[in-house]
Amino acid sequence: MSENITPYKDSTLGKKEQVEQMFDNISENYDGLNRVISFGIDAKWKKKILKMIASKNPKNILDIATGTGDLAILMSQTNADKIIGLDISAGMLEVGRKKIDSKNLSGKIEMIQGDSENLPFENDSFDAITVAYGIRNFETLEKGLAEILRVLKPNGVFIILETSNPTKTPYKQFYKFYTKNILPLIGKIFSKEKNAYGYLSESANGFPYGEALNNILRKIGFIDVADLPQTFGAATIYSASKK
C-alpha cells in the first residue's frame, strides 16, 4: 500500500480532487518545468517505452495520466490505429490537444477527461496501456491498477514509468538532496503553484518501487512482471501482462 501523500496539507478535498486542482494550476508551464527538472533525461526513458510498445504491434493504446500528451504523441510512431490519452485535469488536456492539433495527430489521438480509478471503457479493450509518472497520483493505487487490468486485453502489455530512489552511493545522496531541496525550489521560483513541486518530490520519495511495486502488480493479477531501473535508479520502467 502506498503512503497517502496529498498536494495540499490543509485541504478538505480528497487526494483525487487535490491532484486535479494542482495539475490544472500548473498545466501552462508544466512541460517546460518538467524538462528543466529532469534535465531532459526522461525523453530517453520514454523512447525505450516506445520500442517496448511498438514491438507488440498494438492496434489501440491507452495512455493513462497522459497530462499534456507527450507519451501519447510518442506512441503515434507505432502502427496503432487509435491512441487515447486520459487524464483527470482539464487544464493539462487542453494543452495536450493544442500540441496534438499542431502535429496533425487529432485523427489518431483522442484526449479524454476521466478518472483512472473508474475507467470509462469495457473489459479487454486495449492492446497496450501506459502510465508515465501517474500511478503515484492515484488516490487508491490498488483500485487504479485493478481497473487497468480490467480494460487490458489478454496478452496485452502494460508499461509504467515512475520515479524511484537510487540505492547506491553517491547517487542515493545526490538524488535525496535534489528532490528534497532543489526540485521544490525550482517549482517555487518558476511556478505560481507553490505546493506542486514539493508534492511531486514528496510523493516520489514515498512511493513503493522495484520489487515492492512488482509485488503489488502481481497481487492485483498481472503476470510477467518485470522492472528495469533507469539512470542509476532515478526512475524505473515496469512491464506486465494479463492472462
Protein backbone atom coordinates (compact mmCIF):
# COMPACT_ATOMS: atom_id res chain seq x y z
CA MET A 1 0.00 0.00 0.00
CA SER A 2 1.40 3.41 -0.96
CA GLU A 3 1.53 6.27 1.52
CA ASN A 4 -1.36 8.72 1.14
CA ILE A 5 0.55 11.92 0.31
CA THR A 6 -1.52 14.88 -0.91
CA PRO A 7 -0.63 18.23 -2.56
CA TYR A 8 -2.45 20.45 -0.04
CA LYS A 9 -1.99 19.54 3.61
CA ASP A 10 -4.79 21.80 4.87
CA SER A 11 -7.35 20.95 2.19
CA THR A 12 -10.59 19.14 2.98
CA LEU A 13 -10.70 17.74 -0.56
CA GLY A 14 -9.76 14.13 -1.29
CA LYS A 15 -6.46 13.33 -2.98
CA LYS A 16 -8.12 12.89 -6.37
CA GLU A 17 -9.65 16.37 -6.31
CA GLN A 18 -6.43 17.92 -4.98
CA VAL A 19 -4.37 16.35 -7.76
CA GLU A 20 -6.85 17.61 -10.36
CA GLN A 21 -6.67 21.13 -8.94
CA MET A 22 -2.87 21.08 -8.75
CA PHE A 23 -2.35 19.96 -12.33
CA ASP A 24 -4.92 22.45 -13.61
CA ASN A 25 -2.89 25.16 -11.90
CA ILE A 26 0.49 24.15 -13.35
CA SER A 27 -0.68 22.99 -16.80
CA GLU A 28 0.56 26.01 -18.75
CA ASN A 29 4.20 25.72 -17.68
CA TYR A 30 4.34 22.02 -16.83
CA ASP A 31 6.20 20.88 -19.95
CA GLY A 32 8.98 23.45 -19.67
CA LEU A 33 9.50 22.95 -15.96
CA ASN A 34 9.45 19.19 -16.31
CA ARG A 35 12.27 19.27 -18.87
CA VAL A 36 14.37 21.50 -16.61
CA ILE A 37 13.75 19.35 -13.54
CA SER A 38 14.54 16.06 -15.31
CA PHE A 39 17.46 17.50 -17.31
CA GLY A 40 15.66 16.13 -20.37
CA ILE A 41 16.65 12.56 -19.45
CA ASP A 42 13.04 11.38 -19.32
CA ALA A 43 12.85 11.67 -23.12
CA LYS A 44 15.36 8.82 -23.31
CA TRP A 45 13.28 6.69 -20.95
CA LYS A 46 10.13 7.32 -22.96
CA LYS A 47 11.86 6.24 -26.18
CA LYS A 48 12.58 2.90 -24.51
CA ILE A 49 8.87 2.59 -23.76
CA LEU A 50 8.09 3.35 -27.40
CA LYS A 51 10.30 0.46 -28.50
CA MET A 52 8.70 -1.89 -25.99
CA ILE A 53 5.19 -0.98 -27.11
CA ALA A 54 5.97 -0.92 -30.83
CA SER A 55 7.40 -4.45 -30.64
CA LYS A 56 3.94 -5.71 -29.65
CA ASN A 57 2.22 -4.13 -32.70
CA PRO A 58 -0.80 -2.86 -30.73
CA LYS A 59 -3.87 -1.67 -32.62
CA ASN A 60 -5.11 0.53 -29.79
CA ILE A 61 -3.27 2.17 -26.91
CA LEU A 62 -4.47 3.84 -23.73
CA ASP A 63 -2.16 6.36 -22.05
CA ILE A 64 -3.41 6.99 -18.51
CA ALA A 65 -2.47 10.19 -16.66
CA THR A 66 -1.48 11.46 -20.09
CA GLY A 67 -1.04 15.04 -18.90
CA THR A 68 -0.17 17.19 -21.89
CA GLY A 69 0.08 14.11 -24.08
CA ASP A 70 3.83 13.71 -24.60
CA LEU A 71 3.79 9.91 -24.34
CA ALA A 72 0.57 9.59 -26.35
CA ILE A 73 2.15 11.67 -29.10
CA LEU A 74 5.26 9.49 -29.00
CA MET A 75 3.07 6.38 -29.32
CA SER A 76 1.84 7.73 -32.67
CA GLN A 77 5.11 6.35 -34.05
CA THR A 78 3.74 2.83 -33.55
CA ASN A 79 1.35 1.16 -36.00
CA ALA A 80 -1.59 1.71 -33.65
CA ASP A 81 -4.84 2.80 -35.28
CA LYS A 82 -6.11 4.63 -32.20
CA ILE A 83 -4.47 6.19 -29.14
CA ILE A 84 -6.47 7.54 -26.20
CA GLY A 85 -4.91 9.87 -23.67
CA LEU A 86 -6.87 10.02 -20.40
CA ASP A 87 -6.30 12.49 -17.58
CA ILE A 88 -8.23 13.95 -14.66
CA SER A 89 -7.00 17.50 -15.35
CA ALA A 90 -8.90 19.54 -17.95
CA GLY A 91 -6.09 22.09 -17.97
CA MET A 92 -3.43 19.54 -18.88
CA LEU A 93 -5.67 18.02 -21.57
CA GLU A 94 -6.27 21.41 -23.16
CA VAL A 95 -2.52 21.99 -23.51
CA GLY A 96 -2.21 18.46 -24.91
CA ARG A 97 -4.93 18.98 -27.52
CA LYS A 98 -3.14 22.07 -28.84
CA LYS A 99 0.07 20.06 -29.21
CA ILE A 100 -1.77 17.23 -30.97
CA ASP A 101 -3.51 19.63 -33.36
CA SER A 102 -0.19 21.30 -34.20
CA LYS A 103 1.23 17.91 -35.19
CA ASN A 104 -1.87 16.97 -37.23
CA LEU A 105 -2.50 13.96 -34.99
CA SER A 106 -6.06 14.73 -33.88
CA GLY A 107 -7.37 11.94 -36.13
CA LYS A 108 -5.22 9.37 -34.35
CA ILE A 109 -5.05 10.63 -30.75
CA GLU A 110 -8.12 11.39 -28.66
CA MET A 111 -7.81 13.18 -25.32
CA ILE A 112 -10.43 12.29 -22.70
CA GLN A 113 -11.01 13.66 -19.22
CA GLY A 114 -11.59 10.78 -16.85
CA ASP A 115 -10.80 9.04 -13.59
CA SER A 116 -8.06 6.41 -13.73
CA GLU A 117 -9.79 4.51 -10.94
CA ASN A 118 -13.10 4.35 -12.82
CA LEU A 119 -12.09 3.92 -16.45
CA PRO A 120 -14.89 4.57 -18.97
CA PHE A 121 -14.06 1.55 -21.12
CA GLU A 122 -15.30 -2.01 -21.50
CA ASN A 123 -13.36 -5.04 -20.32
CA ASP A 124 -10.48 -6.20 -22.54
CA SER A 125 -10.41 -3.01 -24.62
CA PHE A 126 -6.73 -2.19 -25.17
CA ASP A 127 -3.70 -3.99 -26.57
CA ALA A 128 -1.33 -1.71 -24.67
CA ILE A 129 -1.66 0.64 -21.70
CA THR A 130 0.95 3.11 -20.47
CA VAL A 131 1.26 5.31 -17.39
CA ALA A 132 4.16 7.75 -17.07
CA TYR A 133 4.61 9.46 -13.69
CA GLY A 134 0.95 8.91 -12.90
CA ILE A 135 0.33 5.94 -10.65
CA ARG A 136 1.69 7.70 -7.58
CA ASN A 137 -1.13 10.22 -8.02
CA PHE A 138 -3.82 7.53 -7.78
CA GLU A 139 -5.95 8.02 -4.69
CA THR A 140 -6.17 4.24 -4.25
CA LEU A 141 -3.29 2.54 -6.05
CA GLU A 142 -4.74 -0.97 -6.00
CA LYS A 143 -8.10 0.18 -7.37
CA GLY A 144 -6.44 2.04 -10.23
CA LEU A 145 -4.27 -0.95 -11.11
CA ALA A 146 -7.27 -3.29 -10.97
CA GLU A 147 -9.08 -1.02 -13.43
CA ILE A 148 -6.09 -1.12 -15.76
CA LEU A 149 -6.04 -4.91 -15.59
CA ARG A 150 -9.76 -4.97 -16.38
CA VAL A 151 -9.51 -2.93 -19.59
CA LEU A 152 -6.26 -4.54 -20.80
CA LYS A 153 -6.72 -7.33 -23.33
CA PRO A 154 -5.39 -10.82 -22.52
CA ASN A 155 -1.71 -10.96 -23.54
CA GLY A 156 -1.72 -7.16 -23.73
CA VAL A 157 1.21 -5.13 -22.41
CA PHE A 158 1.13 -2.69 -19.51
CA ILE A 159 4.07 -0.30 -19.10
CA ILE A 160 4.70 2.03 -16.17
CA LEU A 161 7.36 4.75 -15.99
CA GLU A 162 7.73 6.06 -12.47
CA THR A 163 10.34 7.74 -10.33
CA SER A 164 12.24 5.58 -7.88
CA ASN A 165 15.06 6.04 -5.39
CA PRO A 166 18.67 5.18 -6.24
CA THR A 167 20.15 2.79 -3.70
CA LYS A 168 23.89 3.14 -4.43
CA THR A 169 26.29 5.80 -3.18
CA PRO A 170 26.76 8.62 -4.26
CA TYR A 171 23.63 8.64 -6.44
CA LYS A 172 21.39 7.95 -3.45
CA GLN A 173 22.65 11.00 -1.54
CA PHE A 174 22.54 13.31 -4.57
CA TYR A 175 19.04 12.26 -5.54
CA LYS A 176 17.73 12.72 -2.00
CA PHE A 177 19.23 16.21 -1.78
CA TYR A 178 17.99 17.18 -5.24
CA THR A 179 14.40 16.02 -4.76
CA LYS A 180 14.12 17.43 -1.23
CA ASN A 181 15.75 20.81 -1.80
CA ILE A 182 16.34 21.71 -5.44
CA LEU A 183 13.17 20.40 -7.11
CA PRO A 184 10.72 22.25 -4.81
CA LEU A 185 12.85 25.41 -5.09
CA ILE A 186 12.67 25.35 -8.89
CA GLY A 187 8.92 24.89 -8.66
CA LYS A 188 8.52 27.84 -6.28
CA ILE A 189 10.62 30.13 -8.47
CA PHE A 190 9.03 29.32 -11.81
CA SER A 191 5.51 28.20 -10.91
CA LYS A 192 2.58 30.08 -9.38
CA GLU A 193 1.64 26.83 -7.66
CA LYS A 194 3.79 26.74 -4.52
CA ASN A 195 2.72 23.28 -3.36
CA ALA A 196 3.01 21.37 -6.62
CA TYR A 197 6.68 20.53 -6.86
CA GLY A 198 7.00 19.89 -3.15
CA TYR A 199 4.18 17.35 -3.51
CA LEU A 200 5.74 15.79 -6.62
CA SER A 201 9.02 15.37 -4.73
CA GLU A 202 7.40 14.00 -1.56
CA SER A 203 5.13 11.61 -3.43
CA ALA A 204 8.05 10.29 -5.47
CA ASN A 205 10.12 9.57 -2.36
CA GLY A 206 7.22 7.92 -0.55
CA PHE A 207 6.04 5.66 -3.35
CA PRO A 208 6.84 1.91 -3.49
CA TYR A 209 9.31 0.98 -6.20
CA GLY A 210 11.23 -2.01 -7.52
CA GLU A 211 10.17 -5.33 -6.06
CA ALA A 212 7.66 -3.63 -3.76
CA LEU A 213 5.67 -2.38 -6.74
CA ASN A 214 6.23 -5.66 -8.59
CA ASN A 215 4.54 -7.49 -5.73
CA ILE A 216 1.56 -5.13 -5.80
CA LEU A 217 1.15 -5.73 -9.54
CA ARG A 218 1.27 -9.49 -9.01
CA LYS A 219 -1.24 -9.23 -6.17
CA ILE A 220 -3.66 -7.41 -8.48
CA GLY A 221 -3.33 -10.23 -11.02
CA PHE A 222 -0.73 -9.09 -13.55
CA ILE A 223 1.69 -11.66 -14.94
CA ASP A 224 5.19 -11.46 -16.45
CA VAL A 225 6.02 -8.57 -14.14
CA ALA A 226 9.49 -7.07 -14.55
CA ASP A 227 11.26 -3.85 -13.59
CA LEU A 228 14.04 -2.03 -15.45
CA PRO A 229 15.82 0.66 -13.38
CA GLN A 230 16.92 3.72 -15.37
CA THR A 231 19.80 6.18 -14.82
CA PHE A 232 21.21 4.72 -11.58
CA GLY A 233 17.69 4.05 -10.30
CA ALA A 234 16.27 7.59 -10.55
CA ALA A 235 13.34 6.08 -12.45
CA THR A 236 12.08 2.60 -13.24
CA ILE A 237 10.23 1.14 -16.21
CA TYR A 238 7.86 -1.67 -15.22
CA SER A 239 6.29 -4.10 -17.66
CA ALA A 240 3.47 -6.55 -17.07
CA SER A 241 0.82 -8.50 -18.93
CA LYS A 242 -2.57 -10.20 -18.46
CA LYS A 243 -3.52 -13.86 -18.65
